[in-house]
Amino acid sequence: MSSFILALDQGTTSSRAILFDRAGRMHGIAQQEFRQIFPQSGWVEHDANEIWSSQLAVARQVMKETGVTAASIAAIGITNQRETVVLWDRKTGEPVANAIVWQDHRTAELCDSLRSDGHEPLFREKTGLVVDAYFSGTKLKWLLDHVPGARERARRGELAFGTVDSWLIFKLCGRHVIDTSNASRTLMFNIHTLRWDEELLELLDVPADLLPEVVPSSGVVGHAEAACFGAAIPIAGIAGDQQAATFGQACHGCGMAKNTYGTGCFMLLNTGKRAMSSRNNLLTTIGWTVNGVTEYMLEGAVFNAGAAVQWLRDGLGIIRESAEVEALATSVPDTGGVFFVPAFSGLGAPYWDAYARGTLVGISRGTTRAHIARATLAGIAYQSADVLEAMQKDAAMEMTELRVDGGAARNDLLMQFQADVLGVPVVRPAVTETTALGAAYLAGLAVGFWSSQDEIAAQWQVERRFEPAMSIDERAQRLATWRRAVERARAWVE
């Protein structure tokens, strides 16, 4: 009898594989970082073959270290960095260029042109997204425009486009598919009809033959070849990382929300079967399709969260490991008046400013590395506060709690400050690896490993609850100063 689900969690900076048992507990984990490629300012790329080799390696590693064989794995669930574009040769299975990462802003001017030509309302109506370089569609157009012969080869059916889930599934079993949650992040998918949209494809000059088949988030789409893991294993769950985390947090009901603290920061509110349009620069996106039912989310995306801490480590060298930031920040009582807007690759929701850049303000002669570390954590929290405010306006509801996950959610100082500036309790679950867990749950539901979403929700447990401790006046004052700092970061690049 199969005892485990294998979750493949392909992230922006590393690939991970986690085995989960029937109680939703981690049985083993393996992780491997891979190269970040920065050809020029604002450009971010990955080698798609490194993504594949690292993901395969960690999956084999976790099986070897735990002694779990393919026979004991009921299914594979896949979750992935979203919006990142891979373009490859269907026959050889080789990429024709580096993958363009979601953080990449090389298509900002193209997006400006689409907006100035009056096309943004059409994109918003059909996809629920703003026209921004963040999303896949303009990245794919850039590849077709700049890789010699790519568009002609695409029209002949020789090339395949996919987000990272599509790429991994193609390498695992040869099928060319994408689930509804990832498709909804491409600027090419109509979230109401659940089909690729011919009018949007024409605007982007993308041949339809490039596109993968759209499948549900929960359901068997193929079997990983025996050469990968020693025997064939069903691939039964697929979701973009933020939708997977929302599912893993058991935010299955309308009005439930979570925030994930990873490379970026992503807050999602479940709006049920209704695709709720945003009036406050948030995104309307598909959460998942399970048992024939598609559920929708409001989402606020912050581009740089954990990436800001990595910059303290790799760029400034003021910490050796990311985990050191909490102790350093705690060594001072406050930021000493310093505010840090970590807009390394522009600002996401609710600003959507591709030309903003990272900004440190309020520095004095007394500013130390500890103040900068504390300001970095505060900057992550302030960005999420901006998103929550917009979300509550859109949904016309006051949230009673915010569930949190991701690596930085283990930082107690950050979580307490987040509760303070939100004015909402922040709840951290016992299992913070909810992105991988959500992919596992989606796969397990498809093969009967778990019987229902109710069974899954019953497994969710609180590890710690952070209650707001800041006065209303102080919160308002801090947020007002933060927004002054944001204005200084905006429209910096001409």
Protein backbone atom coordinates (compact mmCIF):
# COMPACT_ATOMS: atom_id res chain seq x y z
CA MET A 1 0.00 0.00 0.00
CA SER A 2 1.33 3.44 -0.91
CA SER A 3 2.21 5.50 2.14
CA PHE A 4 3.48 8.81 0.76
CA ILE A 5 2.94 11.66 -1.70
CA LEU A 6 6.02 13.17 -3.33
CA ALA A 7 5.81 16.95 -3.74
CA LEU A 8 8.14 18.65 -6.20
CA ASP A 9 8.46 22.30 -5.15
CA GLN A 10 10.31 24.18 -7.90
CA GLY A 11 11.06 27.67 -6.61
CA THR A 12 12.82 30.77 -7.84
CA THR A 13 16.17 30.09 -6.18
CA SER A 14 16.04 26.36 -5.38
CA SER A 15 14.35 23.08 -6.17
CA ARG A 16 12.96 21.00 -3.32
CA ALA A 17 11.36 17.61 -2.92
CA ILE A 18 9.30 16.67 0.13
CA LEU A 19 7.63 13.40 1.09
CA PHE A 20 4.36 13.75 3.01
CA ASP A 21 2.52 11.02 4.91
CA ARG A 22 -1.25 10.62 5.32
CA ALA A 23 -1.29 12.99 8.31
CA GLY A 24 0.22 15.74 6.16
CA ARG A 25 3.53 15.51 8.02
CA MET A 26 6.92 15.81 6.33
CA HIS A 27 8.73 12.48 6.15
CA GLY A 28 11.79 13.81 4.34
CA ILE A 29 13.06 16.86 2.47
CA ALA A 30 15.89 17.64 0.06
CA GLN A 31 16.83 20.99 -1.45
CA GLN A 32 19.30 22.29 -4.03
CA GLU A 33 19.95 25.86 -5.13
CA PHE A 34 20.65 26.71 -8.76
CA ARG A 35 22.15 29.66 -10.62
CA GLN A 36 20.52 33.06 -10.89
CA ILE A 37 21.52 34.71 -14.17
CA PHE A 38 21.47 38.52 -14.48
CA PRO A 39 22.49 39.47 -18.06
CA GLN A 40 21.81 43.16 -17.40
CA SER A 41 19.89 45.42 -15.02
CA GLY A 42 16.27 44.33 -14.70
CA TRP A 43 16.85 41.00 -16.49
CA VAL A 44 16.62 37.68 -14.62
CA GLU A 45 17.10 34.29 -16.25
CA HIS A 46 17.39 30.61 -15.35
CA ASP A 47 18.87 27.68 -17.24
CA ALA A 48 15.82 25.43 -17.71
CA ASN A 49 18.04 22.35 -17.82
CA GLU A 50 19.39 23.28 -14.38
CA ILE A 51 15.83 23.58 -13.12
CA TRP A 52 15.10 20.08 -14.40
CA SER A 53 18.34 18.45 -13.23
CA SER A 54 18.14 20.00 -9.76
CA GLN A 55 14.49 18.98 -9.35
CA LEU A 56 15.17 15.41 -10.45
CA ALA A 57 18.23 15.23 -8.19
CA VAL A 58 16.43 16.32 -5.02
CA ALA A 59 13.52 13.96 -5.69
CA ARG A 60 15.94 11.04 -5.99
CA GLN A 61 17.86 12.29 -2.95
CA VAL A 62 14.85 12.41 -0.62
CA MET A 63 13.79 8.94 -1.71
CA LYS A 64 17.28 7.57 -1.14
CA GLU A 65 17.72 9.24 2.26
CA THR A 66 14.36 8.02 3.56
CA GLY A 67 14.49 4.60 1.93
CA VAL A 68 11.16 5.24 0.20
CA THR A 69 10.76 3.53 -3.18
CA ALA A 70 8.45 4.40 -6.03
CA ALA A 71 6.14 1.58 -4.96
CA SER A 72 5.41 3.46 -1.72
CA ILE A 73 4.55 6.75 -3.47
CA ALA A 74 0.89 7.11 -4.41
CA ALA A 75 1.36 10.19 -6.60
CA ILE A 76 3.47 13.21 -7.45
CA GLY A 77 2.30 16.78 -6.91
CA ILE A 78 4.07 19.67 -8.65
CA THR A 79 4.17 23.30 -7.60
CA ASN A 80 6.27 25.94 -9.27
CA GLN A 81 7.52 29.49 -9.55
CA ARG A 82 4.83 31.10 -11.64
CA GLU A 83 5.03 33.29 -14.76
CA THR A 84 8.57 32.12 -15.59
CA VAL A 85 8.69 31.25 -19.31
CA VAL A 86 10.36 28.22 -20.87
CA LEU A 87 10.50 27.75 -24.65
CA TRP A 88 11.79 24.44 -25.94
CA ASP A 89 12.14 22.18 -28.98
CA ARG A 90 9.38 19.53 -28.96
CA LYS A 91 11.56 16.90 -30.66
CA THR A 92 14.81 17.26 -28.73
CA GLY A 93 13.35 18.48 -25.45
CA GLU A 94 16.04 21.18 -25.30
CA PRO A 95 15.35 24.83 -24.42
CA VAL A 96 15.97 27.29 -27.24
CA ALA A 97 16.98 30.03 -24.76
CA ASN A 98 17.30 30.63 -21.05
CA ALA A 99 14.03 30.78 -19.14
CA ILE A 100 12.87 34.35 -18.48
CA VAL A 101 12.02 34.60 -14.78
CA TRP A 102 8.90 36.23 -13.32
CA GLN A 103 11.09 38.95 -11.76
CA ASP A 104 12.43 40.00 -15.18
CA HIS A 105 11.31 43.42 -16.42
CA ARG A 106 12.80 43.57 -19.92
CA THR A 107 9.31 43.88 -21.45
CA ALA A 108 8.30 46.98 -19.46
CA GLU A 109 8.32 49.16 -22.59
CA LEU A 110 6.21 46.64 -24.50
CA CYS A 111 3.69 46.77 -21.65
CA ASP A 112 3.76 50.56 -21.82
CA SER A 113 2.87 50.32 -25.51
CA LEU A 114 -0.01 47.92 -24.89
CA ARG A 115 -1.40 50.28 -22.27
CA SER A 116 -0.94 53.41 -24.39
CA ASP A 117 -2.72 51.65 -27.27
CA GLY A 118 -5.70 51.14 -24.96
CA HIS A 119 -5.51 47.35 -24.59
CA GLU A 120 -5.24 47.05 -20.80
CA PRO A 121 -9.02 47.01 -20.13
CA LEU A 122 -9.37 44.03 -22.48
CA PHE A 123 -6.57 42.12 -20.74
CA ARG A 124 -8.00 42.93 -17.31
CA GLU A 125 -11.51 41.86 -18.31
CA LYS A 126 -10.43 38.54 -19.78
CA THR A 127 -7.44 37.53 -17.63
CA GLY A 128 -7.98 39.37 -14.34
CA LEU A 129 -4.41 40.68 -14.61
CA VAL A 130 -2.84 44.08 -15.15
CA VAL A 131 -0.58 44.55 -18.17
CA ASP A 132 2.84 44.15 -16.56
CA ALA A 133 6.18 42.60 -17.42
CA TYR A 134 5.64 40.25 -14.45
CA PHE A 135 3.38 37.96 -16.46
CA SER A 136 4.29 35.33 -19.04
CA GLY A 137 2.69 36.64 -22.22
CA THR A 138 5.04 39.53 -22.95
CA LYS A 139 8.06 37.42 -21.96
CA LEU A 140 7.02 34.79 -24.51
CA LYS A 141 6.56 37.50 -27.16
CA TRP A 142 10.07 38.77 -26.39
CA LEU A 143 11.55 35.30 -26.95
CA LEU A 144 9.65 34.89 -30.21
CA ASP A 145 10.87 38.32 -31.33
CA HIS A 146 14.52 37.87 -30.33
CA VAL A 147 15.45 34.18 -30.69
CA PRO A 148 16.39 33.75 -34.37
CA GLY A 149 13.71 31.82 -36.27
CA ALA A 150 11.63 31.15 -33.15
CA ARG A 151 8.29 32.52 -34.36
CA GLU A 152 8.55 30.68 -37.70
CA ARG A 153 9.43 27.44 -35.91
CA ALA A 154 6.56 28.01 -33.50
CA ARG A 155 4.12 28.38 -36.38
CA ARG A 156 5.38 25.08 -37.80
CA GLY A 157 4.62 23.40 -34.46
CA GLU A 158 8.27 22.69 -33.68
CA LEU A 159 8.43 24.59 -30.37
CA ALA A 160 6.56 24.36 -27.07
CA PHE A 161 5.86 27.07 -24.51
CA GLY A 162 5.23 26.43 -20.87
CA THR A 163 5.55 27.71 -17.37
CA VAL A 164 7.81 25.65 -15.10
CA ASP A 165 5.08 23.10 -14.28
CA SER A 166 4.69 22.41 -18.01
CA TRP A 167 8.45 22.03 -18.43
CA LEU A 168 8.82 19.55 -15.56
CA ILE A 169 5.85 17.44 -16.67
CA PHE A 170 7.19 17.34 -20.23
CA LYS A 171 10.54 16.09 -18.93
CA LEU A 172 8.91 13.58 -16.58
CA CYS A 173 6.36 12.03 -18.91
CA GLY A 174 6.41 13.76 -22.30
CA ARG A 175 2.99 15.47 -22.06
CA HIS A 176 2.59 19.17 -22.84
CA VAL A 177 0.08 20.49 -20.29
CA ILE A 178 -0.56 23.35 -17.87
CA ASP A 179 -3.10 23.57 -15.06
CA THR A 180 -5.70 26.33 -14.79
CA SER A 181 -3.89 28.13 -11.95
CA ASN A 182 -0.69 28.54 -13.95
CA ALA A 183 -2.54 29.28 -17.19
CA SER A 184 -4.30 32.16 -15.45
CA ARG A 185 -0.92 33.91 -14.97
CA THR A 186 0.03 34.13 -18.63
CA LEU A 187 -1.99 37.13 -19.96
CA MET A 188 -3.25 34.74 -22.66
CA PHE A 189 -5.89 32.70 -20.80
CA ASN A 190 -9.52 33.74 -20.38
CA ILE A 191 -10.32 32.95 -16.73
CA HIS A 192 -14.08 33.03 -17.42
CA THR A 193 -14.23 30.67 -20.41
CA LEU A 194 -11.20 28.63 -19.20
CA ARG A 195 -9.67 28.73 -22.68
CA TRP A 196 -6.72 30.33 -24.44
CA ASP A 197 -8.01 33.60 -25.87
CA GLU A 198 -7.53 34.13 -29.62
CA GLU A 199 -7.89 37.92 -29.39
CA LEU A 200 -5.14 38.20 -26.76
CA LEU A 201 -2.88 35.80 -28.67
CA GLU A 202 -3.24 38.00 -31.74
CA LEU A 203 -2.32 41.13 -29.77
CA LEU A 204 0.83 39.39 -28.49
CA ASP A 205 1.53 37.69 -31.85
CA VAL A 206 1.77 34.26 -30.20
CA PRO A 207 0.94 31.21 -32.36
CA ALA A 208 -1.68 29.00 -30.69
CA ASP A 209 0.27 25.85 -31.63
CA LEU A 210 2.86 26.79 -28.99
CA LEU A 211 0.44 26.47 -26.09
CA PRO A 212 -0.05 23.53 -23.74
CA GLU A 213 -3.30 21.69 -23.08
CA VAL A 214 -5.08 23.09 -20.03
CA VAL A 215 -5.89 20.51 -17.35
CA PRO A 216 -7.39 20.58 -13.82
CA SER A 217 -5.18 21.19 -10.80
CA SER A 218 -6.14 17.82 -9.33
CA GLY A 219 -6.20 14.80 -11.63
CA VAL A 220 -3.80 12.28 -13.17
CA VAL A 221 -2.13 13.83 -16.24
CA GLY A 222 0.47 11.14 -16.84
CA HIS A 223 3.06 8.93 -15.16
CA ALA A 224 6.65 9.84 -14.47
CA GLU A 225 8.75 7.45 -16.52
CA ALA A 226 10.34 4.54 -14.69
CA ALA A 227 13.78 5.83 -15.63
CA CYS A 228 13.22 8.80 -13.29
CA PHE A 229 12.43 6.99 -10.03
CA GLY A 230 12.68 3.24 -10.67
CA ALA A 231 8.99 2.75 -11.48
CA ALA A 232 6.18 4.78 -12.99
CA ILE A 233 4.43 7.18 -10.56
CA PRO A 234 1.20 9.09 -11.34
CA ILE A 235 1.53 12.87 -11.71
CA ALA A 236 -1.75 13.98 -10.19
CA GLY A 237 -1.48 17.50 -8.75
CA ILE A 238 -0.36 20.81 -10.30
CA ALA A 239 -0.61 24.37 -9.02
CA GLY A 240 1.36 27.58 -9.09
CA ASP A 241 3.23 28.08 -5.84
CA GLN A 242 0.90 30.68 -4.33
CA GLN A 243 -2.27 28.81 -5.18
CA ALA A 244 -0.71 25.63 -3.82
CA ALA A 245 0.19 27.41 -0.58
CA THR A 246 -3.38 28.68 -0.26
CA PHE A 247 -4.68 25.12 -0.70
CA GLY A 248 -2.10 23.80 1.75
CA GLN A 249 -3.19 26.41 4.30
CA ALA A 250 -6.71 24.96 4.01
CA CYS A 251 -8.07 28.33 2.85
CA HIS A 252 -10.79 26.43 1.04
CA GLY A 253 -13.65 28.72 2.07
CA CYS A 254 -14.67 32.10 0.68
CA GLY A 255 -13.12 34.92 2.73
CA MET A 256 -10.07 32.97 3.97
CA ALA A 257 -6.64 34.49 3.26
CA LYS A 258 -2.96 33.61 3.47
CA ASN A 259 0.36 35.37 2.90
CA THR A 260 3.49 33.55 1.75
CA TYR A 261 6.93 34.97 2.53
CA GLY A 262 9.36 33.65 -0.05
CA THR A 263 11.54 35.40 -2.62
CA GLY A 264 8.50 37.61 -3.07
CA CYS A 265 5.45 38.03 -0.86
CA PHE A 266 2.03 36.90 -2.04
CA MET A 267 -1.31 37.41 -0.34
CA LEU A 268 -4.35 35.53 -1.65
CA LEU A 269 -8.01 35.80 -0.63
CA ASN A 270 -10.41 33.03 -1.60
CA THR A 271 -13.49 34.52 -3.33
CA GLY A 272 -15.11 31.16 -4.11
CA LYS A 273 -16.69 30.48 -7.50
CA ARG A 274 -16.85 34.22 -8.26
CA ALA A 275 -14.09 35.99 -10.19
CA MET A 276 -14.13 39.28 -8.28
CA SER A 277 -12.82 42.27 -10.22
CA SER A 278 -10.41 44.52 -8.35
CA ARG A 279 -10.85 48.29 -8.10
CA ASN A 280 -7.61 48.69 -6.15
CA ASN A 281 -4.92 47.27 -8.47
CA LEU A 282 -5.04 43.71 -7.22
CA LEU A 283 -5.18 40.65 -9.46
CA THR A 284 -8.07 38.30 -10.07
CA THR A 285 -6.68 34.83 -10.55
CA ILE A 286 -7.72 31.18 -10.59
CA GLY A 287 -6.95 29.35 -7.36
CA TRP A 288 -7.48 25.78 -8.55
CA THR A 289 -9.80 23.47 -10.43
CA VAL A 290 -10.79 20.40 -8.38
CA ASN A 291 -13.58 17.94 -9.21
CA GLY A 292 -14.75 20.13 -12.07
CA VAL A 293 -15.10 23.24 -9.87
CA THR A 294 -12.89 26.30 -10.44
CA GLU A 295 -12.36 28.65 -7.51
CA TYR A 296 -11.01 32.20 -7.77
CA MET A 297 -8.75 34.43 -5.70
CA LEU A 298 -7.88 38.07 -5.24
CA GLU A 299 -4.11 38.38 -5.10
CA GLY A 300 -1.58 41.01 -4.17
CA ALA A 301 1.97 40.32 -5.34
CA VAL A 302 5.06 41.86 -3.71
CA PHE A 303 8.12 41.23 -5.87
CA ASN A 304 10.88 41.42 -3.24
CA ALA A 305 10.58 40.02 0.27
CA GLY A 306 13.05 37.24 1.08
CA ALA A 307 15.09 38.59 -1.82
CA ALA A 308 15.76 41.67 0.32
CA VAL A 309 17.26 39.52 3.07
CA GLN A 310 19.35 37.69 0.46
CA TRP A 311 20.64 41.08 -0.66
CA LEU A 312 21.75 41.84 2.90
CA ARG A 313 23.68 38.57 2.75
CA ASP A 314 25.02 38.53 -0.81
CA GLY A 315 25.04 42.20 -1.78
CA LEU A 316 26.03 43.98 1.42
CA GLY A 317 27.61 41.08 3.29
CA ILE A 318 26.23 42.25 6.65
CA ILE A 319 24.99 38.73 7.48
CA ARG A 320 26.50 35.37 6.57
CA GLU A 321 23.25 33.39 6.54
CA SER A 322 19.70 34.61 5.99
CA ALA A 323 18.66 33.14 9.35
CA GLU A 324 20.96 35.64 11.11
CA VAL A 325 18.80 38.62 10.17
CA GLU A 326 16.37 38.23 13.08
CA ALA A 327 19.06 38.32 15.77
CA LEU A 328 20.76 41.30 14.14
CA ALA A 329 17.48 43.20 13.77
CA THR A 330 16.48 42.42 17.36
CA SER A 331 19.72 43.94 18.65
CA VAL A 332 18.22 47.44 18.17
CA PRO A 333 14.82 48.58 19.49
CA ASP A 334 13.71 50.12 16.18
CA THR A 335 14.96 51.14 12.75
CA GLY A 336 16.38 54.46 13.93
CA GLY A 337 14.15 56.26 11.43
CA VAL A 338 15.41 54.21 8.45
CA PHE A 339 12.92 52.97 5.83
CA PHE A 340 13.87 50.47 3.14
CA VAL A 341 11.73 50.01 0.02
CA PRO A 342 13.09 46.79 -1.55
CA ALA A 343 11.96 47.56 -5.10
CA PHE A 344 14.93 45.83 -6.77
CA SER A 345 12.78 44.79 -9.75
CA GLY A 346 10.02 47.36 -9.45
CA LEU A 347 6.93 47.47 -7.27
CA GLY A 348 4.03 45.04 -7.51
CA ALA A 349 0.56 45.48 -6.03
CA PRO A 350 -0.98 47.92 -5.49
CA TYR A 351 1.53 50.22 -7.28
CA TRP A 352 2.57 48.27 -10.39
CA ASP A 353 5.59 50.43 -11.08
CA ALA A 354 8.19 48.61 -13.19
CA TYR A 355 10.43 51.68 -13.01
CA ALA A 356 10.69 51.88 -9.22
CA ARG A 357 13.97 50.81 -7.62
CA GLY A 358 15.21 49.89 -4.17
CA THR A 359 15.51 52.87 -1.83
CA LEU A 360 16.96 53.45 1.65
CA VAL A 361 15.83 56.69 3.29
CA GLY A 362 16.26 58.23 6.73
CA ILE A 363 19.92 57.24 7.08
CA SER A 364 21.91 59.23 9.64
CA ARG A 365 25.47 59.05 10.93
CA GLY A 366 24.17 56.79 13.68
CA THR A 367 22.67 54.24 11.30
CA THR A 368 24.15 50.75 11.73
CA ARG A 369 23.82 47.47 9.90
CA ALA A 370 21.34 46.41 12.60
CA HIS A 371 19.05 49.33 11.75
CA ILE A 372 19.23 48.40 8.06
CA ALA A 373 18.43 44.76 8.91
CA ARG A 374 15.41 45.81 10.97
CA ALA A 375 14.27 48.22 8.24
CA THR A 376 14.49 45.35 5.74
CA LEU A 377 12.11 43.21 7.78
CA ALA A 378 9.82 46.19 8.31
CA GLY A 379 9.81 46.87 4.55
CA ILE A 380 8.54 43.34 3.91
CA ALA A 381 5.72 43.87 6.42
CA TYR A 382 4.78 47.33 5.13
CA GLN A 383 4.42 46.03 1.57
CA SER A 384 2.01 43.36 2.79
CA ALA A 385 0.05 45.98 4.73
CA ASP A 386 -0.46 47.93 1.49
CA VAL A 387 -1.81 44.77 -0.15
CA LEU A 388 -4.15 43.89 2.73
CA GLU A 389 -5.63 47.39 2.73
CA ALA A 390 -6.40 47.13 -0.99
CA MET A 391 -7.79 43.62 -0.51
CA GLN A 392 -10.16 44.63 2.27
CA LYS A 393 -11.45 47.51 0.13
CA ASP A 394 -12.08 45.21 -2.83
CA ALA A 395 -13.75 42.47 -0.82
CA ALA A 396 -15.63 44.95 1.42
CA MET A 397 -14.80 42.83 4.45
CA GLU A 398 -12.60 42.97 7.51
CA MET A 399 -10.37 39.92 7.79
CA THR A 400 -10.29 38.21 11.15
CA GLU A 401 -6.88 36.59 10.67
CA LEU A 402 -4.09 36.10 8.14
CA ARG A 403 -2.50 32.66 7.78
CA VAL A 404 1.21 32.81 6.95
CA ASP A 405 3.83 30.48 5.53
CA GLY A 406 7.14 30.42 3.68
CA GLY A 407 10.70 30.67 4.94
CA ALA A 408 10.46 34.16 6.47
CA ALA A 409 7.28 33.21 8.34
CA ARG A 410 9.56 31.49 10.84
CA ASN A 411 10.95 34.91 11.81
CA ASP A 412 9.12 35.86 15.02
CA LEU A 413 10.16 39.52 14.88
CA LEU A 414 8.80 39.89 11.36
CA MET A 415 5.55 38.09 12.17
CA GLN A 416 4.87 40.23 15.25
CA PHE A 417 5.60 43.43 13.33
CA GLN A 418 3.37 42.17 10.52
CA ALA A 419 0.48 41.72 12.94
CA ASP A 420 1.17 45.18 14.38
CA VAL A 421 1.08 47.05 11.06
CA LEU A 422 -1.87 45.02 9.74
CA GLY A 423 -3.97 45.31 12.88
CA VAL A 424 -4.97 41.70 12.20
CA PRO A 425 -3.82 38.51 14.01
CA VAL A 426 -1.16 36.59 12.09
CA VAL A 427 -1.43 32.81 12.42
CA ARG A 428 1.50 30.49 11.71
CA PRO A 429 0.68 26.81 11.15
CA ALA A 430 2.56 23.82 12.52
CA VAL A 431 3.65 22.97 8.96
CA THR A 432 5.03 26.06 7.20
CA GLU A 433 5.98 24.16 4.01
CA THR A 434 2.45 24.73 2.79
CA THR A 435 3.38 25.28 -0.87
CA ALA A 436 4.65 21.72 -1.21
CA LEU A 437 1.88 20.46 1.07
CA GLY A 438 -0.77 22.03 -1.17
CA ALA A 439 0.66 20.28 -4.22
CA ALA A 440 0.68 17.03 -2.26
CA TYR A 441 -2.94 17.51 -1.20
CA LEU A 442 -4.05 18.18 -4.79
CA ALA A 443 -2.28 15.03 -5.98
CA GLY A 444 -3.52 12.94 -3.06
CA LEU A 445 -7.16 13.94 -3.65
CA ALA A 446 -6.91 12.79 -7.27
CA VAL A 447 -5.80 9.27 -6.36
CA GLY A 448 -7.86 8.79 -3.19
CA PHE A 449 -4.95 9.18 -0.79
CA TRP A 450 -7.13 11.72 1.02
CA SER A 451 -10.89 11.47 0.77
CA SER A 452 -11.95 15.11 0.78
CA GLN A 453 -11.01 18.73 1.40
CA ASP A 454 -12.69 18.44 4.80
CA GLU A 455 -10.20 15.71 5.78
CA ILE A 456 -7.36 17.97 4.64
CA ALA A 457 -8.70 21.00 6.56
CA ALA A 458 -8.88 18.92 9.72
CA GLN A 459 -5.11 18.34 9.55
CA TRP A 460 -4.29 22.08 9.67
CA GLN A 461 -2.93 23.09 13.08
CA VAL A 462 -1.81 26.38 14.66
CA GLU A 463 1.79 26.62 15.84
CA ARG A 464 1.65 30.27 17.01
CA ARG A 465 -0.72 33.21 16.87
CA PHE A 466 0.68 36.77 16.80
CA GLU A 467 -1.76 39.40 18.12
CA PRO A 468 -1.48 43.10 17.13
CA ALA A 469 0.14 45.16 19.90
CA MET A 470 0.58 48.56 18.19
CA SER A 471 -1.80 51.46 18.75
CA ILE A 472 -4.00 52.65 15.90
CA ASP A 473 -2.30 56.07 15.90
CA GLU A 474 1.21 54.64 15.77
CA ARG A 475 0.24 52.25 12.99
CA ALA A 476 -1.21 55.08 10.91
CA GLN A 477 1.87 57.25 11.46
CA ARG A 478 4.30 54.47 10.47
CA LEU A 479 2.32 53.59 7.35
CA ALA A 480 2.14 57.24 6.31
CA THR A 481 5.94 57.54 6.57
CA TRP A 482 6.37 54.27 4.70
CA ARG A 483 4.27 55.60 1.83
CA ARG A 484 6.42 58.74 1.68
CA ALA A 485 9.41 56.43 1.24
CA VAL A 486 7.59 54.51 -1.50
CA GLU A 487 6.99 57.74 -3.42
CA ARG A 488 10.74 58.37 -3.39
CA ALA A 489 11.35 54.92 -4.89
CA ARG A 490 8.77 55.22 -7.66
CA ALA A 491 9.54 56.01 -11.32
CA TRP A 492 13.28 56.08 -10.60
CA VAL A 493 14.40 54.47 -13.89
CA GLU A 494 13.67 56.65 -16.90
